[in-house]
Amino acid sequence: MANGQITTLTRANNTSESLRTTVPSGIIKQFDLKEGDKLAWKLGMGEGDFIIVVRPSKKIPTYEELMEGR
């Protein structure tokens, strides 16, 4: 994936301005992403480029989940 990939934005639903895209399978495998995982987005500007950094967001366990492991 050194050269990157292109994905297409589609409308999330008819009542919102939100758009969605598909995460390429290579990225899913590389970061062991699962359905329901959260992604943190950071936006910035480079030398004439718009830069988006997307990182898997750490899930904070609930109290119940913490107690299950006792």
N, C-alpha and C. Protein backbone atom coordinates (compact mmCIF):
# COMPACT_ATOMS: atom_id res chain seq x y z
N MET A 1 0.82 -1.20 0.00
CA MET A 1 0.00 0.00 0.00
C MET A 1 0.86 1.26 0.00
N ALA A 2 2.10 1.14 -0.42
CA ALA A 2 3.00 2.28 -0.43
C ALA A 2 2.50 3.41 -1.32
N ASN A 3 1.80 3.06 -2.40
CA ASN A 3 1.29 4.08 -3.32
C ASN A 3 -0.09 4.58 -2.94
N GLY A 4 -0.68 4.06 -1.90
CA GLY A 4 -2.00 4.49 -1.47
C GLY A 4 -3.09 3.84 -2.28
N GLN A 5 -4.31 4.13 -1.90
CA GLN A 5 -5.48 3.61 -2.60
C GLN A 5 -6.50 4.73 -2.72
N ILE A 6 -7.40 4.57 -3.66
CA ILE A 6 -8.48 5.55 -3.86
C ILE A 6 -9.79 4.90 -3.47
N THR A 7 -10.57 5.60 -2.65
CA THR A 7 -11.91 5.14 -2.31
C THR A 7 -12.90 6.22 -2.71
N THR A 8 -14.17 5.88 -2.77
CA THR A 8 -15.22 6.81 -3.20
C THR A 8 -16.10 7.19 -2.02
N LEU A 9 -16.41 8.46 -1.89
CA LEU A 9 -17.32 8.94 -0.86
C LEU A 9 -18.76 8.76 -1.34
N THR A 10 -19.63 8.31 -0.45
CA THR A 10 -21.06 8.21 -0.74
C THR A 10 -21.83 8.87 0.39
N ARG A 11 -23.04 9.29 0.10
CA ARG A 11 -23.87 9.96 1.11
C ARG A 11 -24.24 8.95 2.20
N ALA A 12 -24.10 9.37 3.46
CA ALA A 12 -24.41 8.49 4.58
C ALA A 12 -25.92 8.21 4.66
N ASN A 13 -26.73 9.23 4.46
CA ASN A 13 -28.18 9.07 4.39
C ASN A 13 -28.77 10.33 3.76
N ASN A 14 -30.07 10.32 3.51
CA ASN A 14 -30.71 11.43 2.81
C ASN A 14 -30.93 12.66 3.67
N THR A 15 -30.81 12.55 4.98
CA THR A 15 -31.12 13.68 5.86
C THR A 15 -29.87 14.33 6.45
N SER A 16 -28.69 13.92 6.01
CA SER A 16 -27.45 14.41 6.58
C SER A 16 -26.49 14.83 5.49
N GLU A 17 -25.57 15.72 5.83
CA GLU A 17 -24.52 16.10 4.89
C GLU A 17 -23.30 15.19 5.04
N SER A 18 -23.35 14.23 5.97
CA SER A 18 -22.23 13.33 6.21
C SER A 18 -21.99 12.44 4.99
N LEU A 19 -20.72 12.10 4.80
CA LEU A 19 -20.34 11.18 3.74
C LEU A 19 -19.61 10.00 4.38
N ARG A 20 -19.58 8.87 3.69
CA ARG A 20 -18.85 7.69 4.18
C ARG A 20 -18.02 7.11 3.05
N THR A 21 -17.04 6.32 3.45
CA THR A 21 -16.19 5.64 2.49
C THR A 21 -15.86 4.25 3.03
N THR A 22 -15.24 3.42 2.22
CA THR A 22 -14.84 2.08 2.62
C THR A 22 -13.38 2.10 3.04
N VAL A 23 -13.08 1.44 4.16
CA VAL A 23 -11.69 1.28 4.58
C VAL A 23 -11.12 0.09 3.80
N PRO A 24 -10.05 0.31 3.05
CA PRO A 24 -9.47 -0.79 2.26
C PRO A 24 -9.07 -1.98 3.13
N SER A 25 -9.22 -3.18 2.59
CA SER A 25 -8.96 -4.40 3.36
C SER A 25 -7.52 -4.47 3.86
N GLY A 26 -6.56 -3.92 3.12
CA GLY A 26 -5.18 -3.92 3.57
C GLY A 26 -4.99 -3.14 4.86
N ILE A 27 -5.71 -2.04 5.00
CA ILE A 27 -5.65 -1.23 6.23
C ILE A 27 -6.34 -1.97 7.36
N ILE A 28 -7.48 -2.61 7.06
CA ILE A 28 -8.20 -3.38 8.08
C ILE A 28 -7.30 -4.46 8.66
N LYS A 29 -6.60 -5.17 7.78
CA LYS A 29 -5.71 -6.25 8.23
C LYS A 29 -4.50 -5.70 8.98
N GLN A 30 -3.89 -4.64 8.46
CA GLN A 30 -2.68 -4.08 9.07
C GLN A 30 -2.94 -3.62 10.50
N PHE A 31 -4.10 -3.02 10.75
CA PHE A 31 -4.40 -2.48 12.07
C PHE A 31 -5.38 -3.34 12.86
N ASP A 32 -5.69 -4.54 12.34
CA ASP A 32 -6.60 -5.47 13.00
C ASP A 32 -7.90 -4.79 13.40
N LEU A 33 -8.49 -4.06 12.45
CA LEU A 33 -9.74 -3.35 12.70
C LEU A 33 -10.92 -4.31 12.64
N LYS A 34 -11.92 -4.04 13.44
CA LYS A 34 -13.13 -4.85 13.50
C LYS A 34 -14.35 -3.94 13.36
N GLU A 35 -15.47 -4.51 12.93
CA GLU A 35 -16.71 -3.76 12.86
C GLU A 35 -17.02 -3.18 14.23
N GLY A 36 -17.38 -1.92 14.28
CA GLY A 36 -17.69 -1.26 15.55
C GLY A 36 -16.51 -0.50 16.14
N ASP A 37 -15.27 -0.76 15.64
CA ASP A 37 -14.12 0.00 16.11
C ASP A 37 -14.31 1.48 15.79
N LYS A 38 -13.69 2.33 16.57
CA LYS A 38 -13.77 3.77 16.36
C LYS A 38 -12.47 4.27 15.76
N LEU A 39 -12.58 5.31 14.92
CA LEU A 39 -11.42 5.94 14.30
C LEU A 39 -11.37 7.39 14.73
N ALA A 40 -10.18 7.88 15.11
CA ALA A 40 -9.98 9.28 15.47
C ALA A 40 -9.41 10.00 14.25
N TRP A 41 -10.00 11.13 13.88
CA TRP A 41 -9.59 11.88 12.69
C TRP A 41 -8.92 13.18 13.12
N LYS A 42 -7.78 13.49 12.50
CA LYS A 42 -7.08 14.74 12.75
C LYS A 42 -6.82 15.40 11.39
N LEU A 43 -7.18 16.66 11.27
CA LEU A 43 -7.05 17.38 10.01
C LEU A 43 -5.93 18.40 10.08
N GLY A 44 -5.25 18.62 8.97
CA GLY A 44 -4.18 19.61 8.94
C GLY A 44 -3.87 20.03 7.52
N MET A 45 -2.92 20.96 7.40
CA MET A 45 -2.48 21.45 6.10
C MET A 45 -0.99 21.21 5.97
N GLY A 46 -0.57 20.73 4.82
CA GLY A 46 0.84 20.55 4.52
C GLY A 46 1.26 21.57 3.48
N GLU A 47 2.29 21.27 2.74
CA GLU A 47 2.76 22.17 1.68
C GLU A 47 1.81 22.12 0.49
N GLY A 48 0.71 22.84 0.61
CA GLY A 48 -0.28 22.86 -0.45
C GLY A 48 -1.20 21.66 -0.44
N ASP A 49 -1.08 20.79 0.56
CA ASP A 49 -1.90 19.59 0.65
C ASP A 49 -2.81 19.66 1.87
N PHE A 50 -3.95 19.04 1.74
CA PHE A 50 -4.87 18.84 2.85
C PHE A 50 -4.53 17.48 3.41
N ILE A 51 -4.20 17.39 4.69
CA ILE A 51 -3.74 16.14 5.29
C ILE A 51 -4.77 15.64 6.30
N ILE A 52 -5.15 14.38 6.17
CA ILE A 52 -6.05 13.73 7.13
C ILE A 52 -5.31 12.56 7.74
N VAL A 53 -5.18 12.57 9.06
CA VAL A 53 -4.56 11.45 9.77
C VAL A 53 -5.67 10.70 10.49
N VAL A 54 -5.77 9.41 10.23
CA VAL A 54 -6.81 8.58 10.85
C VAL A 54 -6.11 7.51 11.67
N ARG A 55 -6.49 7.42 12.96
CA ARG A 55 -5.89 6.43 13.84
C ARG A 55 -6.99 5.64 14.53
N PRO A 56 -6.75 4.34 14.74
CA PRO A 56 -7.69 3.59 15.56
C PRO A 56 -7.75 4.22 16.94
N SER A 57 -8.95 4.40 17.46
CA SER A 57 -9.14 5.01 18.77
C SER A 57 -9.25 3.91 19.82
N LYS A 58 -8.53 4.07 20.91
CA LYS A 58 -8.56 3.08 21.98
C LYS A 58 -9.94 3.08 22.63
N LYS A 59 -10.49 1.91 22.77
CA LYS A 59 -11.79 1.77 23.42
C LYS A 59 -11.58 1.82 24.92
N ILE A 60 -12.35 2.65 25.59
CA ILE A 60 -12.29 2.74 27.04
C ILE A 60 -13.29 1.73 27.60
N PRO A 61 -12.82 0.74 28.36
CA PRO A 61 -13.73 -0.28 28.88
C PRO A 61 -14.72 0.31 29.88
N THR A 62 -15.92 -0.25 29.89
CA THR A 62 -16.92 0.15 30.87
C THR A 62 -16.58 -0.46 32.23
N TYR A 63 -17.22 0.01 33.26
CA TYR A 63 -17.01 -0.54 34.60
C TYR A 63 -17.34 -2.03 34.61
N GLU A 64 -18.43 -2.41 33.95
CA GLU A 64 -18.83 -3.81 33.91
C GLU A 64 -17.76 -4.68 33.24
N GLU A 65 -17.18 -4.18 32.14
CA GLU A 65 -16.13 -4.93 31.45
C GLU A 65 -14.91 -5.10 32.32
N LEU A 66 -14.56 -4.07 33.08
CA LEU A 66 -13.43 -4.16 33.99
C LEU A 66 -13.69 -5.20 35.10
N MET A 67 -14.91 -5.24 35.58
CA MET A 67 -15.25 -6.15 36.69
C MET A 67 -15.31 -7.60 36.22
N GLU A 68 -15.61 -7.83 34.92
CA GLU A 68 -15.67 -9.19 34.39
C GLU A 68 -14.33 -9.90 34.51
N GLY A 69 -13.24 -9.17 34.42
CA GLY A 69 -11.91 -9.77 34.46
C GLY A 69 -11.36 -10.03 35.86
N ARG A 70 -12.13 -9.72 36.90
CA ARG A 70 -11.66 -9.88 38.30
C ARG A 70 -11.55 -11.31 38.68
